[in-house]
Protein backbone atom coordinates (compact mmCIF):
# COMPACT_ATOMS: atom_id res chain seq x y z
CA MET A 1 31.72 -9.46 73.81
CA LEU A 2 35.84 -9.30 73.71
CA THR A 3 36.91 -6.24 72.29
CA LEU A 4 40.66 -6.21 71.87
CA VAL A 5 42.14 -2.65 72.46
CA GLY A 6 39.38 -0.47 70.96
CA THR A 7 40.15 2.94 69.02
CA SER A 8 38.50 4.75 72.07
CA ILE A 9 41.29 3.29 74.22
CA CYS A 10 44.30 5.68 74.45
CA ALA A 11 46.67 2.39 75.11
CA PRO A 12 46.34 -1.08 76.05
CA SER A 13 45.65 -1.49 79.73
CA CYS A 14 47.71 -4.84 79.95
CA PHE A 15 50.81 -2.50 79.13
CA ALA A 16 50.53 0.36 81.74
CA GLU A 17 53.49 2.34 82.22
CA GLU A 18 53.88 4.37 85.44
CA GLU A 19 52.09 7.39 84.90
CA GLU A 20 54.87 10.08 86.06
CA GLU A 21 57.12 8.62 83.24
CA LYS A 22 54.73 9.05 81.02
CA LYS A 23 53.68 12.83 81.70
CA ALA A 24 57.74 13.18 81.54
CA ASP A 25 58.06 11.68 78.25
CA PHE A 26 56.83 11.50 74.94
CA ILE A 27 57.88 10.19 71.71
CA LYS A 28 60.78 11.94 69.69
CA TRP A 29 61.14 10.15 66.53
CA VAL A 30 58.85 7.80 64.38
CA ASP A 31 59.93 6.05 61.33
CA PHE A 32 56.85 4.84 59.59
CA ASN A 33 57.44 1.93 57.36
CA VAL A 34 54.18 0.11 57.20
CA THR A 35 53.21 -0.75 53.54
CA CYS A 36 49.79 -0.10 51.81
CA ALA A 37 49.16 -3.73 51.75
CA ALA A 38 49.77 -4.49 55.50
CA MET A 39 47.57 -1.48 56.30
CA LYS A 40 44.80 -2.82 53.69
CA LYS A 41 44.79 -6.11 55.64
CA ALA A 42 44.84 -4.95 58.72
CA ILE A 43 41.81 -2.22 58.01
CA ALA A 44 39.68 -5.45 56.21
CA LEU A 45 40.29 -7.92 59.51
CA ASP A 46 39.14 -4.78 61.53
CA VAL A 47 36.21 -4.01 59.34
CA GLU A 48 35.01 -7.75 58.91
CA SER A 49 34.95 -8.36 62.49
CA HIS A 50 33.25 -5.13 63.90
CA ASP A 51 30.01 -6.96 64.71
CA LYS A 52 31.65 -10.34 65.57
CA GLU A 53 32.26 -11.60 69.28
CA VAL A 54 35.81 -10.45 69.09
CA LYS A 55 37.17 -7.20 67.31
CA PHE A 56 40.33 -6.73 65.98
CA ASN A 57 41.62 -3.11 66.23
CA TYR A 58 43.65 -2.68 62.75
CA ILE A 59 46.16 -0.48 64.78
CA VAL A 60 46.71 -3.32 67.68
CA LEU A 61 47.25 -5.64 64.67
CA LEU A 62 49.80 -3.52 63.31
CA ALA A 63 51.35 -2.44 66.29
CA CYS A 64 51.92 -6.55 67.08
CA LEU A 65 53.52 -7.25 63.96
CA ALA A 66 55.69 -4.09 63.98
CA THR A 67 57.18 -5.78 67.16
CA LYS A 68 57.58 -8.85 65.79
CA ASN A 69 59.24 -7.57 62.68
CA GLY A 70 61.38 -4.89 64.21
CA ASN A 71 59.56 -2.36 61.92
CA ASN A 72 60.79 -4.08 58.65
CA PHE A 73 57.85 -4.48 56.71
CA SER A 74 59.61 -5.47 53.46
CA HIS A 75 58.72 -8.69 53.29
CA TYR A 76 55.30 -8.32 54.34
CA LYS A 77 52.74 -11.05 53.80
CA ASP A 78 49.04 -11.23 54.49
CA SER A 79 49.44 -14.48 56.58
CA GLN A 80 51.61 -12.81 59.10
CA LEU A 81 48.66 -10.51 60.38
CA ASP A 82 46.08 -13.61 59.73
CA THR A 83 48.31 -15.45 62.03
CA ILE A 84 48.13 -12.79 64.66
CA ALA A 85 44.69 -12.54 64.33
CA GLU A 86 44.01 -16.08 64.60
CA LYS A 87 46.05 -16.29 67.88
CA LEU A 88 43.92 -12.95 69.46
CA ARG A 89 41.00 -14.95 68.37
CA SER A 90 41.85 -17.69 70.10
CA GLY A 91 42.40 -15.72 73.38
CA GLU A 92 46.31 -15.51 73.59
CA PRO A 93 47.13 -12.02 75.33
CA ILE A 94 48.55 -9.37 73.34
CA GLU A 95 51.63 -9.31 75.43
CA LYS A 96 52.20 -13.25 73.98
CA VAL A 97 51.37 -12.29 70.81
CA ALA A 98 53.28 -9.10 70.60
CA GLY A 99 56.47 -10.73 72.10
CA ALA A 100 58.18 -6.89 73.62
CA THR A 101 56.04 -5.09 75.99
CA LYS A 102 58.52 -2.13 75.97
CA TYR A 103 58.39 -2.32 72.09
CA TYR A 104 54.72 -2.92 71.41
CA ASN A 105 54.16 0.27 73.81
CA TYR A 106 55.94 2.22 71.26
CA TYR A 107 54.81 0.71 68.07
CA TYR A 108 50.87 1.46 69.31
CA GLU A 109 50.95 4.87 70.56
CA SER A 110 53.51 5.93 67.38
CA LEU A 111 51.06 4.11 65.15
CA SER A 112 48.16 5.32 66.97
CA ALA A 113 49.36 9.22 65.95
CA VAL A 114 49.54 8.27 62.48
CA LEU A 115 46.52 6.21 61.92
CA SER A 116 43.90 7.00 64.38
CA GLY A 117 41.88 8.94 62.24
CA PHE A 118 41.49 6.87 59.51
CA VAL A 119 38.94 4.24 60.59
CA GLY A 120 35.58 4.69 62.23
CA ASP A 121 31.96 5.06 62.18
CA TYR A 122 30.58 7.54 59.85
CA GLU A 123 27.46 8.70 57.47
CA ILE A 124 27.86 9.81 53.91
CA GLU A 125 25.32 10.96 51.36
CA VAL A 126 25.21 8.26 48.85
CA PRO A 127 23.28 8.33 45.19
CA ASP A 128 19.80 6.74 45.12
CA ASP A 129 17.88 5.47 42.35
CA THR A 130 15.58 8.65 42.13
CA SER A 131 18.74 11.03 40.84
CA GLY A 132 18.87 11.93 44.47
CA LYS A 133 20.93 11.40 47.79
CA HIS A 134 20.49 9.73 50.99
CA TRP A 135 22.63 8.85 54.18
CA GLU A 136 24.24 5.93 54.94
CA LYS A 137 26.02 4.59 58.35
CA ARG A 138 29.17 2.98 57.42
CA TYR A 139 32.14 1.49 59.21
CA GLY A 140 35.49 1.51 57.43
CA ILE A 141 38.09 4.13 55.90
CA LYS A 142 36.84 7.54 56.76
CA ALA A 143 39.93 9.36 55.32
CA PHE A 144 39.78 10.44 51.62
CA SER A 145 42.58 11.19 48.84
CA PRO A 146 44.19 14.39 48.73
CA ILE A 147 43.07 14.81 45.07
CA ALA A 148 39.61 14.53 43.92
CA LYS A 149 37.78 12.10 42.03
CA GLY A 150 38.06 11.81 38.38
CA TYR A 151 41.38 14.44 38.57
CA TYR A 152 45.11 12.46 37.34
CA TYR A 153 47.88 12.33 39.62
CA ASN A 154 51.32 10.64 39.43
CA HIS A 155 53.47 10.18 42.38
CA TYR A 156 56.41 8.00 43.50
CA ASP A 157 58.33 7.60 47.02
CA ASP A 158 60.29 10.62 46.99
CA PHE A 159 60.59 11.12 50.91
CA GLY A 160 64.15 12.44 51.93
CA LYS A 161 65.11 13.16 48.45
CA LYS A 162 67.52 16.15 48.32
CA ARG A 163 66.28 19.80 48.03
CA SER A 164 68.42 22.93 47.71
CA TYR A 165 66.28 25.78 47.53
CA GLY A 166 67.52 28.26 50.29
CA PHE A 167 69.34 25.44 51.85
CA SER A 168 70.07 21.67 51.58
CA ARG A 169 67.25 19.74 53.31
CA PRO A 170 65.44 16.47 52.82
CA HIS A 171 61.82 16.50 50.99
CA LEU A 172 59.62 15.82 53.64
CA GLY A 173 56.35 14.98 52.14
CA ASN A 174 55.05 13.16 48.76
CA ASP A 175 54.67 15.13 45.33
CA LEU A 176 51.32 14.03 43.77
CA ILE A 177 52.33 15.51 40.26
CA GLY A 178 48.96 16.71 38.32
CA ASN A 179 47.50 19.71 36.41
CA THR A 180 46.96 22.83 37.51
CA GLY A 181 43.75 23.86 39.14
CA SER A 182 42.92 20.09 40.36
CA PRO A 183 40.95 20.63 43.32
CA VAL A 184 43.07 19.39 46.85
CA ILE A 185 40.96 17.69 49.28
CA ALA A 186 41.25 17.46 53.26
CA VAL A 187 42.31 13.74 53.84
CA GLU A 188 40.88 14.25 57.54
CA SER A 189 38.69 16.39 59.60
CA GLY A 190 40.37 19.23 61.26
CA ARG A 191 40.97 22.71 61.71
CA VAL A 192 43.09 25.02 59.71
CA GLU A 193 45.93 26.03 61.76
CA ALA A 194 47.99 27.61 58.64
CA LEU A 195 47.12 29.57 55.49
CA GLY A 196 48.72 31.89 53.25
CA TRP A 197 52.21 32.14 51.93
CA ASN A 198 55.51 30.65 52.68
CA GLN A 199 58.55 31.00 50.37
CA TYR A 200 59.46 27.51 50.33
CA GLY A 201 55.84 25.88 50.03
CA GLY A 202 54.39 28.81 48.19
CA TRP A 203 50.51 28.83 48.87
CA ARG A 204 49.78 26.40 51.25
CA ILE A 205 47.55 25.13 53.92
CA GLY A 206 48.15 23.39 57.30
CA ILE A 207 45.28 21.59 58.84
CA ARG A 208 45.22 19.94 62.49
CA SER A 209 43.26 16.83 63.48
CA PHE A 210 40.99 17.43 65.87
CA ASP A 211 42.52 14.99 67.96
CA SER A 212 45.90 17.32 67.70
CA LYS A 213 48.30 14.26 66.70
CA ARG A 214 48.32 15.17 63.01
CA TYR A 215 49.16 18.07 60.96
CA TYR A 216 48.58 17.94 57.30
CA TYR A 217 50.32 20.36 55.11
CA TYR A 218 49.32 20.87 51.69
CA ALA A 219 51.73 22.85 49.53
CA HIS A 220 52.36 24.74 45.96
CA LEU A 221 48.73 25.26 45.38
CA ARG A 222 47.36 27.72 42.32
CA LYS A 223 48.57 31.05 41.75
CA ASN A 224 46.06 33.84 42.04
CA PHE A 225 43.16 31.28 43.29
CA PRO A 226 44.93 29.08 45.76
CA TYR A 227 42.46 27.80 48.20
CA ARG A 228 38.72 28.00 48.84
CA LYS A 229 37.96 31.76 49.35
CA ASP A 230 35.90 31.00 52.70
CA LEU A 231 38.87 29.48 54.56
CA THR A 232 40.27 31.48 57.24
CA VAL A 233 42.86 30.15 60.02
CA GLY A 234 40.45 28.65 62.42
CA SER A 235 38.07 27.06 59.83
CA SER A 236 37.10 23.55 60.43
CA VAL A 237 36.91 21.42 57.66
CA LYS A 238 35.61 18.00 57.23
CA ALA A 239 37.49 14.82 55.35
CA GLY A 240 36.59 15.10 51.85
CA ASP A 241 35.91 18.71 51.62
CA VAL A 242 37.58 20.74 48.71
CA ILE A 243 40.27 23.07 50.40
CA GLY A 244 42.25 24.13 47.53
CA TYR A 245 43.72 24.09 44.22
CA LEU A 246 46.83 22.28 42.76
CA GLY A 247 49.59 24.45 41.28
CA HIS A 248 53.24 25.18 41.30
CA SER A 249 53.60 28.36 43.70
CA GLY A 250 56.57 29.01 45.78
CA TYR A 251 60.35 29.12 46.28
CA SER A 252 60.57 32.90 46.25
CA THR A 253 60.19 35.44 48.69
CA LYS A 254 58.13 37.28 46.81
CA GLU A 255 54.31 36.44 47.19
CA ASN A 256 52.15 34.53 44.14
CA VAL A 257 55.23 33.70 42.26
CA ASN A 258 55.73 30.46 39.95
CA ASN A 259 59.00 29.33 40.76
CA ILE A 260 58.30 25.71 40.58
CA ASN A 261 58.68 23.68 37.10
CA THR A 262 56.08 21.02 37.66
CA PRO A 263 52.87 21.52 39.07
CA HIS A 264 52.21 19.15 41.84
CA LEU A 265 50.57 19.21 45.49
CA HIS A 266 53.37 18.79 47.96
CA PHE A 267 51.56 16.28 50.74
CA GLY A 268 52.92 15.67 54.04
CA MET A 269 52.39 14.79 57.83
CA GLN A 270 53.89 16.07 60.68
CA LEU A 271 53.02 13.95 64.13
CA VAL A 272 52.59 16.30 67.47
CA PHE A 273 53.27 14.34 70.57
CA ASP A 274 53.82 17.72 72.44
CA GLU A 275 53.47 21.14 71.62
CA SER A 276 56.82 21.88 71.88
CA GLN A 277 57.50 19.55 68.60
CA LYS A 278 55.02 21.61 66.44
CA GLU A 279 57.67 24.22 65.10
CA CYS A 280 61.18 23.36 65.81
CA LEU A 281 64.09 21.88 65.01
CA SER A 282 63.29 18.24 65.92
CA GLU A 283 59.91 18.12 64.01
CA ILE A 284 58.65 14.83 62.96
CA TRP A 285 57.90 14.19 59.44
CA ILE A 286 56.74 10.84 58.18
CA ASN A 287 56.76 9.03 54.76
CA VAL A 288 53.11 9.29 53.74
CA TYR A 289 53.91 7.76 50.40
CA GLU A 290 52.10 4.37 51.45
CA ILE A 291 49.28 6.37 52.84
CA VAL A 292 48.22 8.18 49.69
CA LYS A 293 48.45 4.84 47.92
CA LEU A 294 46.02 3.30 50.50
CA LEU A 295 43.52 6.26 49.80
CA GLU A 296 44.02 6.49 46.24
CA ASN A 297 40.48 4.83 45.61
CA LYS A 298 39.04 6.98 48.37
CA ARG A 299 38.31 9.90 46.39
CA SER A 300 35.76 12.69 46.97
CA ALA A 301 33.40 13.48 44.06
CA VAL A 302 33.54 17.31 43.51
CA VAL A 303 31.43 19.94 41.26
CA LYS A 304 32.02 23.20 40.31
CA ASP A 305 30.40 26.41 40.67
CA PRO A 306 30.24 28.18 36.95
CA GLU A 307 29.72 31.51 38.64
CA THR A 308 32.40 31.55 41.53
CA LYS A 309 34.63 28.79 39.66
CA GLU A 310 34.93 27.14 43.20
CA TYR A 311 34.66 23.56 43.44
CA SER A 312 33.04 21.60 46.43
CA ARG A 313 31.87 17.85 47.52
CA VAL A 314 29.26 16.07 46.01
CA TYR A 315 28.41 14.05 49.26
CA ASP A 316 28.48 15.17 52.40
CA PHE A 317 29.82 13.79 55.21
CA ARG A 318 29.75 13.12 59.16
CA ASP A 319 32.23 11.56 61.28
CA LEU A 320 30.37 9.48 63.95
CA SER A 321 33.77 8.17 65.88
CA GLY A 322 32.94 10.72 68.90
CA TYR A 323 35.68 12.73 67.37
CA GLY A 324 35.44 16.23 66.04
CA GLU A 325 35.17 20.04 67.43
């Protein structure tokens, strides 16, 4: 069976670089331009080939295309990925399909940092004919929309727009405008790294993916009841779990104040290739607008406890990708 760079491989062996250079260097900037349409197509090719002789990896396909189009996806067509897949299926080596070894390595590593937690093997509870639930094993998208199933939100591409509270700065996330109290969902499994008040983000939660590459930031949560009561720094959460509630807190040095005009969830993703990048002046925040679009139909169903007023997921989830605590 020929596997084209499986998800467990950190970097393509055909493009191995000198180990000493790798240790001394790490990626300093990522401009994530991949469209929702391109991600959907690459994932579909990956999933369709999962039990075939030639298995495609969605990140390999996207890295090949980014190398060929210079990371410009504005004229993307599905036929572009079909052509790449056909060449790989026919046995053409990746270095020939991609074209530029140096740039392919960069795109593969950067896109892996963004997307490696999104597709894989998992089990999830599903409803059955007896009004109960049973477990199903699946392969595919295992990340969830940041807003629960059945709850309205609207958004547009606002990454980089000007913000002026405190000081002039670019907006480093995607604002999902919705109703106060809407359950906020963990997009990916991980560990809570930040929890509490921040004058810019108000009540916020920061969750680090288990591979440490992605830091998810959920901000402007609800006043008085911002997040799940059992969460603490260090808590583990699963993709699809309820973590908090949409609100409009923030823009105040005083805790628990609503100074944001419109209720919304600020959702952001920071990439961390080296721990020195975590809290510094050169943090890598990517535009998650197309990712939110990708996940808009992958919503976690939730139920409210009438006594505690807490929400929880209806269908449990298990990640089977060898990826967790």
